[in-house]
Amino acid sequence: MVYRYILFNKPYNVLSQFTDNRNVKHRSSTLKEYISVDSVYPVGRLDQDSEGLLLLTNHGQLQYRLSDPKFAHPRTYWVQVERIPDTIALKQLQEGVMIKNYQTRPAKVKLLSNEPLLPSRHPPIRFRKTVPTAWLEITLTEGRNRQVRRMTAAVGFPTLRLVRIAIANLRLEGLKPGEWRDLNLSEIQSLKNYLGLG
């Protein structure tokens, strides 16, 4: 079998699947509109209202290693939040917060001094003159449903924009929203080594 490993920069308002099976009046964009490769599937998910790095593959063992929580690989996000988080909120996020009767694992969290260089989002986030915003870099080793959004909300700083910039050793650089590319041989080997599949 020939394995494919694809990195995709998922735009806002695109489902992380190839068909929209939901019983809704207005269909959403899907991966099918961007990626014309057969038999690859997303590793994990990005919510419809989240953006950024999505890995797709037909390599089942690699998909399993990246999806199973026991392997605890890192995922890094740039997160725009409402208001400026204080040191107490940052410490809570770092140590783990309670969401839906679940204590999140410790995370790496830092307040970015500058807004990251990202393409504009369409539509843009809601803007309020009286409410400042800030950007955080958050690295998790778990990926529960809407976890980052629930974590920032739990400490009082709702997420406005969420962009995944890294999965394990793979980074988003060089891909505009809606663009994809195959991993090169070096990246594939590095990822396999990282996951113990070398």
C-alpha atoms as a PDB file:
ATOM      1  CA  MET A   1       0.000   0.000   0.000  1.00  0.00           C
ATOM      2  CA  VAL A   2       1.225   3.488  -0.823  1.00  0.00           C
ATOM      3  CA  TYR A   3       0.858   5.757   2.180  1.00  0.00           C
ATOM      4  CA  ARG A   4      -0.012   9.444   1.808  1.00  0.00           C
ATOM      5  CA  TYR A   5       0.660  12.110   4.423  1.00  0.00           C
ATOM      6  CA  ILE A   6      -0.943  15.481   3.728  1.00  0.00           C
ATOM      7  CA  LEU A   7      -0.746  18.764   5.602  1.00  0.00           C
ATOM      8  CA  PHE A   8      -3.716  21.081   5.097  1.00  0.00           C
ATOM      9  CA  ASN A   9      -4.332  24.612   6.347  1.00  0.00           C
ATOM     10  CA  LYS A  10      -8.024  24.386   7.182  1.00  0.00           C
ATOM     11  CA  PRO A  11      -9.877  27.669   6.721  1.00  0.00           C
ATOM     12  CA  TYR A  12     -12.539  28.952   9.086  1.00  0.00           C
ATOM     13  CA  ASN A  13     -16.035  27.491   8.564  1.00  0.00           C
ATOM     14  CA  VAL A  14     -14.826  24.285   6.870  1.00  0.00           C
ATOM     15  CA  LEU A  15     -15.757  20.889   8.317  1.00  0.00           C
ATOM     16  CA  SER A  16     -12.901  18.465   9.075  1.00  0.00           C
ATOM     17  CA  GLN A  17     -14.545  15.770   6.967  1.00  0.00           C
ATOM     18  CA  PHE A  18     -15.209  15.038   3.310  1.00  0.00           C
ATOM     19  CA  THR A  19     -19.021  15.099   3.435  1.00  0.00           C
ATOM     20  CA  ASP A  20     -21.580  17.162   5.339  1.00  0.00           C
ATOM     21  CA  ASN A  21     -23.971  14.566   6.745  1.00  0.00           C
ATOM     22  CA  ARG A  22     -25.673  16.916   9.162  1.00  0.00           C
ATOM     23  CA  ASN A  23     -29.381  17.519   8.796  1.00  0.00           C
ATOM     24  CA  VAL A  24     -29.068  21.276   8.392  1.00  0.00           C
ATOM     25  CA  LYS A  25     -30.576  23.797   6.010  1.00  0.00           C
ATOM     26  CA  HIS A  26     -27.268  25.280   4.867  1.00  0.00           C
ATOM     27  CA  ARG A  27     -24.456  22.903   3.956  1.00  0.00           C
ATOM     28  CA  SER A  28     -20.919  23.826   4.973  1.00  0.00           C
ATOM     29  CA  SER A  29     -17.701  23.579   3.019  1.00  0.00           C
ATOM     30  CA  THR A  30     -15.892  20.265   3.475  1.00  0.00           C
ATOM     31  CA  LEU A  31     -12.400  18.908   2.816  1.00  0.00           C
ATOM     32  CA  LYS A  32     -13.643  17.569  -0.534  1.00  0.00           C
ATOM     33  CA  GLU A  33     -13.686  21.128  -1.897  1.00  0.00           C
ATOM     34  CA  TYR A  34      -9.967  21.491  -1.177  1.00  0.00           C
ATOM     35  CA  ILE A  35      -8.326  18.055  -1.293  1.00  0.00           C
ATOM     36  CA  SER A  36      -8.741  15.752  -4.274  1.00  0.00           C
ATOM     37  CA  VAL A  37      -6.905  12.741  -2.848  1.00  0.00           C
ATOM     38  CA  ASP A  38      -8.746   9.451  -2.344  1.00  0.00           C
ATOM     39  CA  SER A  39      -8.736   7.406   0.848  1.00  0.00           C
ATOM     40  CA  VAL A  40      -7.035   9.839   3.240  1.00  0.00           C
ATOM     41  CA  TYR A  41      -8.668  10.790   6.507  1.00  0.00           C
ATOM     42  CA  PRO A  42      -8.049  13.562   9.027  1.00  0.00           C
ATOM     43  CA  VAL A  43      -6.036  12.694  12.112  1.00  0.00           C
ATOM     44  CA  GLY A  44      -8.151  14.161  14.875  1.00  0.00           C
ATOM     45  CA  ARG A  45     -10.371  17.134  14.198  1.00  0.00           C
ATOM     46  CA  LEU A  46     -10.501  20.881  14.076  1.00  0.00           C
ATOM     47  CA  ASP A  47     -13.907  22.360  14.804  1.00  0.00           C
ATOM     48  CA  GLN A  48     -15.716  24.162  12.012  1.00  0.00           C
ATOM     49  CA  ASP A  49     -14.967  27.517  13.659  1.00  0.00           C
ATOM     50  CA  SER A  50     -11.267  26.720  14.182  1.00  0.00           C
ATOM     51  CA  GLU A  51      -8.465  27.108  11.643  1.00  0.00           C
ATOM     52  CA  GLY A  52      -5.041  25.786  10.905  1.00  0.00           C
ATOM     53  CA  LEU A  53      -3.031  22.615  10.637  1.00  0.00           C
ATOM     54  CA  LEU A  54      -4.785  19.371   9.816  1.00  0.00           C
ATOM     55  CA  LEU A  55      -2.908  16.160   8.995  1.00  0.00           C
ATOM     56  CA  LEU A  56      -4.558  13.620   6.700  1.00  0.00           C
ATOM     57  CA  THR A  57      -3.274  10.126   5.990  1.00  0.00           C
ATOM     58  CA  ASN A  58      -4.211   6.582   4.997  1.00  0.00           C
ATOM     59  CA  HIS A  59      -1.573   5.141   7.386  1.00  0.00           C
ATOM     60  CA  GLY A  60      -3.742   3.560  10.073  1.00  0.00           C
ATOM     61  CA  GLN A  61      -1.026   2.918  12.673  1.00  0.00           C
ATOM     62  CA  LEU A  62       0.257   6.481  12.462  1.00  0.00           C
ATOM     63  CA  GLN A  63      -3.303   7.811  12.687  1.00  0.00           C
ATOM     64  CA  TYR A  64      -3.865   5.667  15.788  1.00  0.00           C
ATOM     65  CA  ARG A  65      -0.679   6.880  17.491  1.00  0.00           C
ATOM     66  CA  LEU A  66      -1.583  10.522  16.861  1.00  0.00           C
ATOM     67  CA  SER A  67      -5.219  10.093  17.951  1.00  0.00           C
ATOM     68  CA  ASP A  68      -4.919   7.930  21.065  1.00  0.00           C
ATOM     69  CA  PRO A  69      -4.621  10.088  24.235  1.00  0.00           C
ATOM     70  CA  LYS A  70      -2.162   7.660  25.860  1.00  0.00           C
ATOM     71  CA  PHE A  71       0.570   8.722  23.408  1.00  0.00           C
ATOM     72  CA  ALA A  72       0.145  12.365  24.501  1.00  0.00           C
ATOM     73  CA  HIS A  73       1.702  14.106  21.501  1.00  0.00           C
ATOM     74  CA  PRO A  74       1.723  17.934  21.581  1.00  0.00           C
ATOM     75  CA  ARG A  75      -0.612  20.191  19.609  1.00  0.00           C
ATOM     76  CA  THR A  76       0.075  23.918  19.598  1.00  0.00           C
ATOM     77  CA  TYR A  77      -2.478  26.673  19.051  1.00  0.00           C
ATOM     78  CA  TRP A  78      -2.516  30.444  18.739  1.00  0.00           C
ATOM     79  CA  VAL A  79      -5.589  31.613  20.583  1.00  0.00           C
ATOM     80  CA  GLN A  80      -7.084  35.093  20.491  1.00  0.00           C
ATOM     81  CA  VAL A  81      -9.075  35.752  23.649  1.00  0.00           C
ATOM     82  CA  GLU A  82     -11.316  38.492  24.929  1.00  0.00           C
ATOM     83  CA  ARG A  83      -9.504  40.806  27.380  1.00  0.00           C
ATOM     84  CA  ILE A  84      -5.941  40.376  28.686  1.00  0.00           C
ATOM     85  CA  PRO A  85      -5.415  37.274  30.856  1.00  0.00           C
ATOM     86  CA  ASP A  86      -3.672  37.918  34.172  1.00  0.00           C
ATOM     87  CA  THR A  87      -1.015  35.719  35.749  1.00  0.00           C
ATOM     88  CA  ILE A  88      -3.653  33.870  37.798  1.00  0.00           C
ATOM     89  CA  ALA A  89      -5.582  32.823  34.680  1.00  0.00           C
ATOM     90  CA  LEU A  90      -2.377  31.820  32.875  1.00  0.00           C
ATOM     91  CA  LYS A  91      -1.302  29.697  35.859  1.00  0.00           C
ATOM     92  CA  GLN A  92      -4.713  28.004  35.971  1.00  0.00           C
ATOM     93  CA  LEU A  93      -4.451  27.120  32.271  1.00  0.00           C
ATOM     94  CA  GLN A  94      -0.909  25.818  32.774  1.00  0.00           C
ATOM     95  CA  GLU A  95      -1.861  23.625  35.733  1.00  0.00           C
ATOM     96  CA  GLY A  96      -5.141  22.367  34.237  1.00  0.00           C
ATOM     97  CA  VAL A  97      -8.738  23.469  34.658  1.00  0.00           C
ATOM     98  CA  MET A  98     -11.996  21.657  35.357  1.00  0.00           C
ATOM     99  CA  ILE A  99     -14.258  21.428  32.306  1.00  0.00           C
ATOM    100  CA  LYS A 100     -17.373  19.237  32.304  1.00  0.00           C
ATOM    101  CA  ASN A 101     -16.227  17.226  35.339  1.00  0.00           C
ATOM    102  CA  TYR A 102     -12.817  16.622  33.768  1.00  0.00           C
ATOM    103  CA  GLN A 103      -9.496  18.054  34.908  1.00  0.00           C
ATOM    104  CA  THR A 104      -7.368  18.949  31.887  1.00  0.00           C
ATOM    105  CA  ARG A 105      -3.725  17.908  31.810  1.00  0.00           C
ATOM    106  CA  PRO A 106      -1.060  20.545  32.459  1.00  0.00           C
ATOM    107  CA  ALA A 107      -0.413  22.676  29.377  1.00  0.00           C
ATOM    108  CA  LYS A 108       2.260  25.052  28.146  1.00  0.00           C
ATOM    109  CA  VAL A 109       0.704  28.514  28.003  1.00  0.00           C
ATOM    110  CA  LYS A 110       2.264  31.883  27.286  1.00  0.00           C
ATOM    111  CA  LEU A 111       0.931  35.331  26.577  1.00  0.00           C
ATOM    112  CA  LEU A 112       2.293  36.533  23.224  1.00  0.00           C
ATOM    113  CA  SER A 113       3.754  40.036  23.252  1.00  0.00           C
ATOM    114  CA  ASN A 114       2.734  40.631  19.623  1.00  0.00           C
ATOM    115  CA  GLU A 115      -0.158  39.530  17.474  1.00  0.00           C
ATOM    116  CA  PRO A 116       1.000  36.567  15.348  1.00  0.00           C
ATOM    117  CA  LEU A 117       1.319  37.014  11.606  1.00  0.00           C
ATOM    118  CA  LEU A 118      -1.798  35.319  10.298  1.00  0.00           C
ATOM    119  CA  PRO A 119      -4.001  35.929   7.264  1.00  0.00           C
ATOM    120  CA  SER A 120      -7.228  37.759   7.992  1.00  0.00           C
ATOM    121  CA  ARG A 121     -10.169  35.566   8.869  1.00  0.00           C
ATOM    122  CA  HIS A 122     -13.342  35.713   6.791  1.00  0.00           C
ATOM    123  CA  PRO A 123     -15.622  36.699   8.369  1.00  0.00           C
ATOM    124  CA  PRO A 124     -13.494  38.603  10.883  1.00  0.00           C
ATOM    125  CA  ILE A 125     -13.970  38.144  14.626  1.00  0.00           C
ATOM    126  CA  ARG A 126     -16.412  40.466  16.360  1.00  0.00           C
ATOM    127  CA  PHE A 127     -14.660  43.684  17.310  1.00  0.00           C
ATOM    128  CA  ARG A 128     -15.578  45.826  20.311  1.00  0.00           C
ATOM    129  CA  LYS A 129     -13.766  49.099  20.924  1.00  0.00           C
ATOM    130  CA  THR A 130     -14.155  48.829  24.679  1.00  0.00           C
ATOM    131  CA  VAL A 131     -12.863  45.251  25.011  1.00  0.00           C
ATOM    132  CA  PRO A 132      -9.175  44.560  24.315  1.00  0.00           C
ATOM    133  CA  THR A 133      -7.985  41.189  23.051  1.00  0.00           C
ATOM    134  CA  ALA A 134      -4.822  39.158  23.579  1.00  0.00           C
ATOM    135  CA  TRP A 135      -3.091  36.205  21.913  1.00  0.00           C
ATOM    136  CA  LEU A 136      -1.947  33.101  23.765  1.00  0.00           C
ATOM    137  CA  GLU A 137       0.195  30.200  22.612  1.00  0.00           C
ATOM    138  CA  ILE A 138      -1.178  27.001  24.135  1.00  0.00           C
ATOM    139  CA  THR A 139       0.355  23.534  23.774  1.00  0.00           C
ATOM    140  CA  LEU A 140      -1.789  20.579  24.851  1.00  0.00           C
ATOM    141  CA  THR A 141      -1.034  16.869  24.990  1.00  0.00           C
ATOM    142  CA  GLU A 142      -4.689  15.892  24.715  1.00  0.00           C
ATOM    143  CA  GLY A 143      -7.436  16.846  22.311  1.00  0.00           C
ATOM    144  CA  ARG A 144     -10.896  16.732  23.832  1.00  0.00           C
ATOM    145  CA  ASN A 145     -13.879  18.250  22.072  1.00  0.00           C
ATOM    146  CA  ARG A 146     -13.573  22.072  21.976  1.00  0.00           C
ATOM    147  CA  GLN A 147     -11.010  21.826  24.767  1.00  0.00           C
ATOM    148  CA  VAL A 148      -9.104  25.077  24.195  1.00  0.00           C
ATOM    149  CA  ARG A 149     -12.323  27.094  23.983  1.00  0.00           C
ATOM    150  CA  ARG A 150     -13.672  25.482  27.133  1.00  0.00           C
ATOM    151  CA  MET A 151     -10.408  26.042  28.987  1.00  0.00           C
ATOM    152  CA  THR A 152     -10.158  29.762  28.207  1.00  0.00           C
ATOM    153  CA  ALA A 153     -13.861  30.241  28.998  1.00  0.00           C
ATOM    154  CA  ALA A 154     -13.402  28.437  32.331  1.00  0.00           C
ATOM    155  CA  VAL A 155     -10.836  31.025  33.434  1.00  0.00           C
ATOM    156  CA  GLY A 156     -12.927  33.966  32.190  1.00  0.00           C
ATOM    157  CA  PHE A 157     -11.314  34.777  28.825  1.00  0.00           C
ATOM    158  CA  PRO A 158     -13.495  33.497  25.949  1.00  0.00           C
ATOM    159  CA  THR A 159     -11.791  32.417  22.727  1.00  0.00           C
ATOM    160  CA  LEU A 160     -12.445  34.620  19.695  1.00  0.00           C
ATOM    161  CA  ARG A 161     -10.137  32.937  17.189  1.00  0.00           C
ATOM    162  CA  LEU A 162      -8.312  29.611  17.319  1.00  0.00           C
ATOM    163  CA  VAL A 163      -5.546  28.524  14.924  1.00  0.00           C
ATOM    164  CA  ARG A 164      -3.632  25.248  15.278  1.00  0.00           C
ATOM    165  CA  ILE A 165      -0.023  25.883  14.248  1.00  0.00           C
ATOM    166  CA  ALA A 166       1.658  22.549  15.072  1.00  0.00           C
ATOM    167  CA  ILE A 167       0.997  18.837  15.491  1.00  0.00           C
ATOM    168  CA  ALA A 168       3.944  16.978  17.040  1.00  0.00           C
ATOM    169  CA  ASN A 169       6.940  18.085  14.916  1.00  0.00           C
ATOM    170  CA  LEU A 170       4.856  19.381  11.966  1.00  0.00           C
ATOM    171  CA  ARG A 171       4.293  23.126  11.542  1.00  0.00           C
ATOM    172  CA  LEU A 172       1.857  25.286   9.592  1.00  0.00           C
ATOM    173  CA  GLU A 173       4.443  27.545   7.924  1.00  0.00           C
ATOM    174  CA  GLY A 174       4.250  27.975   4.155  1.00  0.00           C
ATOM    175  CA  LEU A 175       0.590  27.028   3.718  1.00  0.00           C
ATOM    176  CA  LYS A 176      -2.075  29.654   3.090  1.00  0.00           C
ATOM    177  CA  PRO A 177      -5.651  28.891   4.200  1.00  0.00           C
ATOM    178  CA  GLY A 178      -7.087  26.257   1.854  1.00  0.00           C
ATOM    179  CA  GLU A 179      -3.668  25.036   0.650  1.00  0.00           C
ATOM    180  CA  TRP A 180      -2.269  21.541   1.173  1.00  0.00           C
ATOM    181  CA  ARG A 181       0.909  19.630   0.444  1.00  0.00           C
ATOM    182  CA  ASP A 182       2.387  16.187   0.863  1.00  0.00           C
ATOM    183  CA  LEU A 183       4.951  15.684   3.613  1.00  0.00           C
ATOM    184  CA  ASN A 184       8.465  15.219   2.281  1.00  0.00           C
ATOM    185  CA  LEU A 185      10.454  12.061   3.061  1.00  0.00           C
ATOM    186  CA  SER A 186      12.414  13.736   5.834  1.00  0.00           C
ATOM    187  CA  GLU A 187       9.224  14.946   7.549  1.00  0.00           C
ATOM    188  CA  ILE A 188       7.623  11.505   7.252  1.00  0.00           C
ATOM    189  CA  GLN A 189      10.644   9.768   8.756  1.00  0.00           C
ATOM    190  CA  SER A 190      10.935  12.352  11.509  1.00  0.00           C
ATOM    191  CA  LEU A 191       7.247  11.951  12.380  1.00  0.00           C
ATOM    192  CA  LYS A 192       7.508   8.147  12.399  1.00  0.00           C
ATOM    193  CA  ASN A 193      10.582   8.316  14.644  1.00  0.00           C
ATOM    194  CA  TYR A 194       8.791  10.748  16.952  1.00  0.00           C
ATOM    195  CA  LEU A 195       5.847   8.332  17.240  1.00  0.00           C
ATOM    196  CA  GLY A 196       8.041   5.255  17.647  1.00  0.00           C
ATOM    197  CA  LEU A 197       7.149   3.881  14.225  1.00  0.00           C
ATOM    198  CA  GLY A 198      10.630   4.295  12.715  1.00  0.00           C
END
